[in-house]
Amino acid sequence: MQLSIIILNYNVRYFLEQCILSVQEALSGIDSEIIVIDNNSSDDSCLMIEERFPDVKLIRNSENFGFPKGNNIGVANAQGKYICILNPDTVVAEDTFSKVLAFAERQTNLGIVGCKLIDGTGKFLPESKRGVPTPWVAFTKIFGLYKIFPKWNLFNQYYAQHISENETGKVDILVGAFMFMQRDLYFELKGFDEDCFMYADDIDLSYRALLKQKDNYYFHETTVLHYKGESTVKDEKYMKRFQEAMTFFYQKHFRKSLFFSVFIKIGILFFSFVKMFQGKTKDKDLPESYVLYSSDMKLYEKLSSILKNKVVIFDFKKEKMVNSSLISKGKRVEIILDNQHISFRNCIKIIETLKEKSITFKIFPKNANFIIGSNSRNDRGQTIKIE
């Protein structure tokens, strides 16, 4: 078998359904399998998998074992030469895995491959590529020096700014939302460290691949949508675990000193505060209008009823470009992408191309009964049922 997709789920039933739909499309023609590990979700994630995706290998954990152990359980059951650790709140393009597989096969000293990630509003996620967060690199991040001197190697290592978001190259650290590697390497590294419940595990695994003299890569030729804020609610528990995770990484890999300990403590508290502040959901104004990208008049009529006649339909079969009058600059518009008529790849491309503060996006996944999306990388996403 060529590839095993490992998806660890915890209470994100609708995002998981959309993720699997996109993964199935992307695995067409590839000898592959999908493994979902459920960390004792309280929603109906497992029931949905059993009813909708009987070919998916489902592993039910009796409790929430955390990110490292959950993924380790999944990989232990995988058969592929390659594995991809994939978040459930992601959407992949139809050619994502074929492109990454081809790239991986060309490498002679492959470590871990990550790809270009954007959030639900189309903005590039800079954590798609990072450097090792040494004390100095952490310092440049905390005080924003990487923004002031983006071209200076001394200051720009946190987000690996030596390569652009549209350039493939070697990087140190990749993000756990999408990590592609040979299964044998995963076992050689002994998988994710289960002493870390979550948050520093991807940094640690990437760093241990570097210690094995492997080459980690950021691959820009495919873009994956990562809603990001959906997987974790950023509350007081989040802050505590974030502190524990960063302390875990520094104690494991760096020599300790009094100055180092004090600096890291301040840095961890600062980061935790910022993360927690960012995670607070803010009330957002509702869209003034909706633009449905579809050729389905029945769907248009249903949405018009649900959304109180604020919907305008844009038919890709008849028009090549969006009429500018449909999206007035400054007005709050939500674009709904009908996956029955628009591929996941084109959905991602549209979101990335039309990104603007006043525009939000939802996807109506093929053969689903809901539209789904996220208006902020720090918020829970939004789901609207279409009966």
Protein backbone atom coordinates (compact mmCIF):
# COMPACT_ATOMS: atom_id res chain seq x y z
CA MET A 1 0.00 0.00 0.00
CA GLN A 2 1.27 3.45 -0.94
CA LEU A 3 -0.35 5.83 1.54
CA SER A 4 -2.23 5.85 4.85
CA ILE A 5 -4.10 8.99 5.94
CA ILE A 6 -4.27 9.30 9.73
CA ILE A 7 -7.03 11.57 11.07
CA LEU A 8 -7.40 12.08 14.82
CA ASN A 9 -10.87 13.34 15.70
CA TYR A 10 -12.35 14.90 18.80
CA ASN A 11 -15.85 16.41 18.63
CA VAL A 12 -15.66 18.00 15.17
CA ARG A 13 -18.23 15.79 13.43
CA TYR A 14 -19.12 18.07 10.48
CA PHE A 15 -15.57 19.21 9.78
CA LEU A 16 -14.51 15.56 9.90
CA GLU A 17 -17.18 14.61 7.34
CA GLN A 18 -16.04 17.34 4.96
CA CYS A 19 -12.39 16.38 5.49
CA ILE A 20 -13.02 12.73 4.62
CA LEU A 21 -15.01 13.69 1.53
CA SER A 22 -12.06 15.76 0.29
CA VAL A 23 -9.54 13.05 1.20
CA GLN A 24 -11.51 10.39 -0.69
CA GLU A 25 -11.42 12.55 -3.82
CA ALA A 26 -7.68 13.14 -3.39
CA LEU A 27 -6.92 9.42 -3.00
CA SER A 28 -8.53 8.45 -6.31
CA GLY A 29 -6.05 6.23 -8.17
CA ILE A 30 -3.75 5.83 -5.15
CA ASP A 31 -3.43 2.53 -3.28
CA SER A 32 -4.41 3.92 0.08
CA GLU A 33 -6.46 3.80 3.26
CA ILE A 34 -8.08 6.28 5.63
CA ILE A 35 -7.79 5.69 9.36
CA VAL A 36 -9.86 7.77 11.78
CA ILE A 37 -9.00 7.59 15.47
CA ASP A 38 -11.70 9.04 17.69
CA ASN A 39 -10.61 10.32 21.10
CA ASN A 40 -13.91 9.51 22.83
CA SER A 41 -16.00 12.23 21.17
CA SER A 42 -19.36 13.07 22.71
CA ASP A 43 -20.93 14.07 19.39
CA ASP A 44 -22.03 11.55 16.76
CA SER A 45 -18.70 11.48 14.88
CA CYS A 46 -18.35 7.70 15.11
CA LEU A 47 -21.94 7.05 14.05
CA MET A 48 -21.45 9.33 11.06
CA ILE A 49 -18.30 7.42 10.02
CA GLU A 50 -20.04 4.07 10.31
CA GLU A 51 -23.04 5.21 8.29
CA ARG A 52 -21.38 7.40 5.68
CA PHE A 53 -17.90 5.90 5.29
CA PRO A 54 -17.97 2.14 5.94
CA ASP A 55 -14.61 1.71 4.15
CA VAL A 56 -12.83 4.03 6.60
CA LYS A 57 -10.99 2.21 9.36
CA LEU A 58 -12.42 3.59 12.60
CA ILE A 59 -10.60 3.22 15.92
CA ARG A 60 -12.55 4.26 19.01
CA ASN A 61 -10.51 5.28 22.04
CA SER A 62 -12.15 4.89 25.44
CA GLU A 63 -10.87 8.30 26.55
CA ASN A 64 -9.20 11.40 25.16
CA PHE A 65 -5.59 10.23 24.92
CA GLY A 66 -4.35 13.49 23.42
CA PHE A 67 -2.76 14.21 20.06
CA PRO A 68 0.48 12.16 20.31
CA LYS A 69 -0.95 8.90 21.63
CA GLY A 70 -4.02 9.11 19.41
CA ASN A 71 -1.89 9.45 16.28
CA ASN A 72 0.55 6.78 17.46
CA ILE A 73 -2.38 4.37 17.73
CA GLY A 74 -3.44 5.26 14.20
CA VAL A 75 0.01 4.80 12.66
CA ALA A 76 0.42 1.46 14.47
CA ASN A 77 -2.58 0.26 12.43
CA ALA A 78 -1.40 1.76 9.13
CA GLN A 79 -0.16 -0.28 6.16
CA GLY A 80 1.10 2.44 3.79
CA LYS A 81 4.70 3.08 2.77
CA TYR A 82 3.90 6.73 3.49
CA ILE A 83 1.64 8.23 6.12
CA CYS A 84 0.02 11.63 6.37
CA ILE A 85 -0.98 13.02 9.75
CA LEU A 86 -3.98 15.18 8.91
CA ASN A 87 -6.24 17.35 11.07
CA PRO A 88 -9.99 16.74 10.81
CA ASP A 89 -10.62 20.47 10.29
CA THR A 90 -8.83 20.49 6.92
CA VAL A 91 -9.85 20.30 3.28
CA VAL A 92 -7.38 18.91 0.74
CA ALA A 93 -7.39 19.44 -3.01
CA GLU A 94 -8.02 16.57 -5.41
CA ASP A 95 -4.34 16.55 -6.43
CA THR A 96 -2.79 17.17 -3.01
CA PHE A 97 -1.58 13.65 -2.28
CA SER A 98 -0.50 12.83 -5.84
CA LYS A 99 1.67 15.97 -5.87
CA VAL A 100 3.18 15.37 -2.44
CA LEU A 101 3.80 11.68 -3.21
CA ALA A 102 5.62 12.59 -6.43
CA PHE A 103 7.73 15.15 -4.56
CA ALA A 104 8.55 12.68 -1.78
CA GLU A 105 9.63 10.00 -4.25
CA ARG A 106 12.17 12.40 -5.78
CA GLN A 107 13.96 12.99 -2.47
CA THR A 108 16.94 10.95 -1.30
CA ASN A 109 17.03 11.89 2.39
CA LEU A 110 13.40 12.60 3.14
CA GLY A 111 12.29 13.73 6.56
CA ILE A 112 8.85 15.29 6.94
CA VAL A 113 6.94 17.22 4.27
CA GLY A 114 4.45 19.97 5.05
CA CYS A 115 2.42 22.04 2.61
CA LYS A 116 0.93 25.49 2.20
CA LEU A 117 -1.93 26.03 4.65
CA ILE A 118 -4.55 28.76 4.56
CA ASP A 119 -7.30 29.48 7.08
CA GLY A 120 -11.03 29.68 6.43
CA THR A 121 -10.74 33.30 5.26
CA GLY A 122 -8.02 32.51 2.71
CA LYS A 123 -5.09 33.92 4.68
CA PHE A 124 -1.77 32.10 4.64
CA LEU A 125 -0.92 30.39 7.92
CA PRO A 126 2.74 31.26 8.64
CA GLU A 127 3.17 28.23 10.91
CA SER A 128 3.13 26.15 7.72
CA LYS A 129 6.92 26.57 7.87
CA ARG A 130 8.97 27.39 10.95
CA GLY A 131 12.42 27.32 12.45
CA VAL A 132 13.50 25.65 15.66
CA PRO A 133 12.19 27.88 18.50
CA THR A 134 15.50 28.31 20.31
CA PRO A 135 15.58 30.99 23.01
CA TRP A 136 16.84 33.57 20.50
CA VAL A 137 14.27 32.65 17.86
CA ALA A 138 11.54 32.77 20.51
CA PHE A 139 12.83 36.21 21.54
CA THR A 140 12.50 37.53 17.96
CA LYS A 141 8.95 36.21 17.84
CA ILE A 142 7.88 37.61 21.21
CA PHE A 143 9.11 41.10 20.41
CA GLY A 144 8.01 41.10 16.76
CA LEU A 145 11.52 41.48 15.35
CA TYR A 146 10.69 39.02 12.56
CA LYS A 147 8.12 41.56 11.29
CA ILE A 148 10.49 44.52 11.49
CA PHE A 149 13.41 42.73 9.80
CA PRO A 150 11.76 40.05 7.60
CA LYS A 151 14.79 39.73 5.30
CA TRP A 152 17.44 39.53 8.02
CA ASN A 153 18.39 35.94 8.75
CA LEU A 154 19.20 36.90 12.33
CA PHE A 155 15.57 37.81 12.99
CA ASN A 156 13.41 35.89 10.48
CA GLN A 157 13.89 32.27 11.54
CA TYR A 158 10.68 31.71 13.52
CA TYR A 159 8.49 31.50 10.42
CA ALA A 160 11.32 30.32 8.10
CA GLN A 161 11.17 33.56 6.14
CA HIS A 162 14.25 32.59 4.14
CA ILE A 163 11.72 31.04 1.75
CA SER A 164 8.45 32.61 0.68
CA GLU A 165 5.03 31.02 1.05
CA ASN A 166 5.11 30.33 -2.71
CA GLU A 167 8.48 28.61 -2.75
CA THR A 168 9.39 25.02 -1.91
CA GLY A 169 12.44 24.48 0.26
CA LYS A 170 14.03 22.95 3.33
CA VAL A 171 12.70 24.09 6.70
CA ASP A 172 13.16 22.88 10.27
CA ILE A 173 9.68 22.65 11.78
CA LEU A 174 6.31 21.68 10.29
CA VAL A 175 2.82 21.82 11.73
CA GLY A 176 0.85 18.78 12.90
CA ALA A 177 -2.20 19.68 10.79
CA PHE A 178 -0.41 18.14 7.77
CA MET A 179 2.73 16.03 8.21
CA PHE A 180 3.71 13.63 5.41
CA MET A 181 6.54 11.09 5.82
CA GLN A 182 7.55 7.48 5.36
CA ARG A 183 5.97 5.19 7.92
CA ASP A 184 9.39 3.64 8.62
CA LEU A 185 10.76 7.06 9.59
CA TYR A 186 7.82 7.60 11.95
CA PHE A 187 8.67 4.31 13.68
CA GLU A 188 12.38 5.16 13.68
CA LEU A 189 11.53 8.40 15.48
CA LYS A 190 9.23 6.39 17.79
CA GLY A 191 6.33 8.58 16.77
CA PHE A 192 5.01 11.51 18.74
CA ASP A 193 6.24 11.78 22.32
CA GLU A 194 3.32 10.78 24.52
CA ASP A 195 4.73 12.75 27.45
CA CYS A 196 3.40 15.81 25.62
CA PHE A 197 -0.40 15.91 25.58
CA MET A 198 -0.54 18.40 22.67
CA TYR A 199 0.83 21.61 21.09
CA ALA A 200 4.62 20.96 21.12
CA ASP A 201 4.39 17.48 19.63
CA ASP A 202 4.83 18.57 16.01
CA ILE A 203 7.80 20.75 16.93
CA ASP A 204 9.37 17.86 18.81
CA LEU A 205 8.83 15.32 16.01
CA SER A 206 10.18 17.71 13.36
CA TYR A 207 13.21 18.48 15.51
CA ARG A 208 13.96 14.79 16.10
CA ALA A 209 13.87 14.23 12.32
CA LEU A 210 16.52 16.96 12.00
CA LEU A 211 18.62 15.24 14.68
CA LYS A 212 18.52 12.12 12.47
CA GLN A 213 20.05 14.30 9.72
CA LYS A 214 16.84 14.13 7.67
CA ASP A 215 15.63 16.92 5.39
CA ASN A 216 12.27 18.46 6.25
CA TYR A 217 10.49 20.31 3.45
CA TYR A 218 7.84 22.95 3.00
CA PHE A 219 6.03 22.14 -0.28
CA HIS A 220 4.10 25.04 -1.78
CA GLU A 221 2.63 23.38 -4.89
CA THR A 222 -0.57 22.34 -3.15
CA THR A 223 -2.72 24.37 -0.77
CA VAL A 224 -4.72 22.84 2.07
CA LEU A 225 -7.53 24.65 3.87
CA HIS A 226 -7.08 24.46 7.66
CA TYR A 227 -9.82 26.03 9.73
CA LYS A 228 -7.45 25.85 12.72
CA GLY A 229 -9.62 27.36 15.44
CA GLU A 230 -12.06 24.46 15.19
CA SER A 231 -9.83 21.78 16.73
CA THR A 232 -9.30 23.53 20.03
CA VAL A 233 -11.26 25.96 22.15
CA LYS A 234 -8.70 28.38 23.56
CA ASP A 235 -9.63 28.76 27.21
CA GLU A 236 -7.85 28.52 30.57
CA LYS A 237 -7.22 24.80 30.06
CA TYR A 238 -5.65 25.63 26.69
CA MET A 239 -3.30 28.15 28.34
CA LYS A 240 -2.18 25.61 30.93
CA ARG A 241 -1.50 22.92 28.34
CA PHE A 242 0.30 25.40 26.09
CA GLN A 243 2.62 26.31 28.97
CA GLU A 244 3.23 22.64 29.74
CA ALA A 245 3.96 21.87 26.08
CA MET A 246 6.55 24.59 25.63
CA THR A 247 8.20 23.72 28.94
CA PHE A 248 8.31 20.09 27.81
CA PHE A 249 10.11 20.96 24.55
CA TYR A 250 12.75 23.22 26.12
CA GLN A 251 13.50 20.87 28.99
CA LYS A 252 13.85 17.97 26.58
CA HIS A 253 16.14 19.55 24.00
CA PHE A 254 18.01 22.51 25.47
CA ARG A 255 20.52 22.95 28.26
CA LYS A 256 18.96 24.82 31.15
CA SER A 257 20.32 27.91 32.89
CA LEU A 258 18.77 30.45 35.26
CA PHE A 259 18.58 33.13 32.56
CA PHE A 260 17.17 30.63 30.10
CA SER A 261 14.53 29.41 32.55
CA VAL A 262 13.41 32.95 33.47
CA PHE A 263 13.30 34.04 29.84
CA ILE A 264 11.33 30.99 28.74
CA LYS A 265 8.91 31.39 31.65
CA ILE A 266 8.20 34.99 30.63
CA GLY A 267 7.90 33.98 26.99
CA ILE A 268 5.52 31.12 27.71
CA LEU A 269 3.28 33.34 29.84
CA PHE A 270 3.28 36.01 27.15
CA PHE A 271 2.45 33.56 24.37
CA SER A 272 -0.22 31.90 26.46
CA PHE A 273 -1.85 35.24 27.19
CA VAL A 274 -1.83 36.25 23.52
CA LYS A 275 -3.20 32.87 22.41
CA MET A 276 -5.94 33.00 24.99
CA PHE A 277 -6.83 36.58 24.04
CA GLN A 278 -6.92 35.67 20.35
CA GLY A 279 -9.13 32.73 21.11
CA LYS A 280 -11.93 34.79 22.58
CA THR A 281 -14.81 34.68 20.17
CA LYS A 282 -16.01 38.11 19.11
CA ASP A 283 -19.48 38.91 17.94
CA LYS A 284 -19.40 39.43 14.20
CA ASP A 285 -21.89 41.26 12.04
CA LEU A 286 -23.97 38.96 9.88
CA PRO A 287 -23.40 39.11 6.12
CA GLU A 288 -25.53 41.65 4.28
CA SER A 289 -25.83 39.26 1.35
CA TYR A 290 -24.85 35.79 0.17
CA VAL A 291 -23.44 34.71 -3.18
CA LEU A 292 -24.04 31.06 -4.08
CA TYR A 293 -21.53 29.60 -6.54
CA SER A 294 -23.66 26.84 -8.04
CA SER A 295 -25.86 25.70 -10.91
CA ASP A 296 -28.42 24.13 -8.55
CA MET A 297 -31.63 26.17 -8.50
CA LYS A 298 -33.18 23.91 -5.84
CA LEU A 299 -30.27 24.64 -3.51
CA TYR A 300 -30.64 28.34 -4.31
CA GLU A 301 -34.31 28.22 -3.34
CA LYS A 302 -33.56 26.36 -0.08
CA LEU A 303 -30.85 28.82 0.93
CA SER A 304 -33.02 31.78 -0.01
CA SER A 305 -35.66 30.46 2.36
CA ILE A 306 -33.18 29.79 5.19
CA LEU A 307 -31.25 33.05 4.73
CA LYS A 308 -34.31 35.25 4.13
CA ASN A 309 -33.94 35.97 0.39
CA LYS A 310 -30.49 37.51 0.66
CA VAL A 311 -28.95 35.01 -1.79
CA VAL A 312 -27.71 35.77 -5.30
CA ILE A 313 -26.72 32.81 -7.49
CA PHE A 314 -23.55 32.83 -9.61
CA ASP A 315 -23.50 30.10 -12.26
CA PHE A 316 -19.98 29.03 -13.25
CA LYS A 317 -21.34 27.31 -16.36
CA LYS A 318 -22.61 30.60 -17.76
CA GLU A 319 -20.13 33.13 -16.40
CA LYS A 320 -16.33 32.97 -16.26
CA MET A 321 -15.79 35.75 -13.75
CA VAL A 322 -17.69 37.01 -10.75
CA ASN A 323 -19.73 40.11 -11.48
CA SER A 324 -18.21 42.86 -9.33
CA SER A 325 -21.69 44.06 -8.43
CA LEU A 326 -22.23 40.78 -6.54
CA ILE A 327 -19.35 41.57 -4.20
CA SER A 328 -19.39 45.26 -3.33
CA LYS A 329 -16.20 46.39 -1.65
CA GLY A 330 -16.73 47.11 2.02
CA LYS A 331 -20.05 45.30 2.26
CA ARG A 332 -20.24 42.09 4.27
CA VAL A 333 -20.69 39.23 1.82
CA GLU A 334 -20.61 35.49 2.37
CA ILE A 335 -19.70 33.25 -0.55
CA ILE A 336 -21.17 29.74 -0.50
CA LEU A 337 -19.31 27.25 -2.70
CA ASP A 338 -21.31 24.28 -3.98
CA ASN A 339 -18.87 21.34 -4.08
CA GLN A 340 -21.30 19.44 -6.30
CA HIS A 341 -20.31 21.82 -9.10
CA ILE A 342 -16.96 23.14 -7.87
CA SER A 343 -14.05 20.86 -6.98
CA PHE A 344 -12.41 21.11 -3.58
CA ARG A 345 -9.31 22.39 -5.35
CA ASN A 346 -11.27 25.24 -6.92
CA CYS A 347 -13.04 25.95 -3.62
CA ILE A 348 -9.63 26.41 -2.00
CA LYS A 349 -8.40 28.51 -4.93
CA ILE A 350 -11.43 30.81 -4.79
CA ILE A 351 -11.08 31.29 -1.02
CA GLU A 352 -7.37 32.07 -1.39
CA THR A 353 -7.92 34.41 -4.35
CA LEU A 354 -10.90 36.41 -3.05
CA LYS A 355 -9.69 36.83 0.53
CA GLU A 356 -10.79 40.16 1.92
CA LYS A 357 -11.88 41.34 5.37
CA SER A 358 -15.49 41.86 4.31
CA ILE A 359 -15.85 38.41 2.67
CA THR A 360 -16.48 35.13 4.46
CA PHE A 361 -16.78 31.67 2.94
CA LYS A 362 -18.76 28.46 3.39
CA ILE A 363 -18.58 25.19 1.49
CA PHE A 364 -21.55 22.96 0.71
CA PRO A 365 -19.78 19.57 0.54
CA LYS A 366 -20.85 17.09 -2.10
CA ASN A 367 -23.60 14.71 -0.92
CA ALA A 368 -23.87 16.48 2.46
CA ASN A 369 -26.76 18.26 4.17
CA PHE A 370 -24.89 21.25 5.62
CA ILE A 371 -22.78 24.23 4.67
CA ILE A 372 -19.67 24.81 6.73
CA GLY A 373 -16.81 27.23 7.23
CA SER A 374 -15.01 29.52 9.65
CA ASN A 375 -14.81 33.29 9.73
CA SER A 376 -11.67 33.47 11.89
CA ARG A 377 -8.66 31.29 12.60
CA ASN A 378 -9.33 31.78 16.33
CA ASP A 379 -13.02 30.92 16.43
CA ARG A 380 -15.13 27.81 16.33
CA GLY A 381 -16.52 27.33 12.85
CA GLN A 382 -20.10 27.71 11.70
CA THR A 383 -22.42 25.01 10.33
CA ILE A 384 -25.85 25.49 8.79
CA LYS A 385 -28.02 22.44 8.19
CA ILE A 386 -29.73 22.20 4.80
CA GLU A 387 -32.71 19.85 5.07
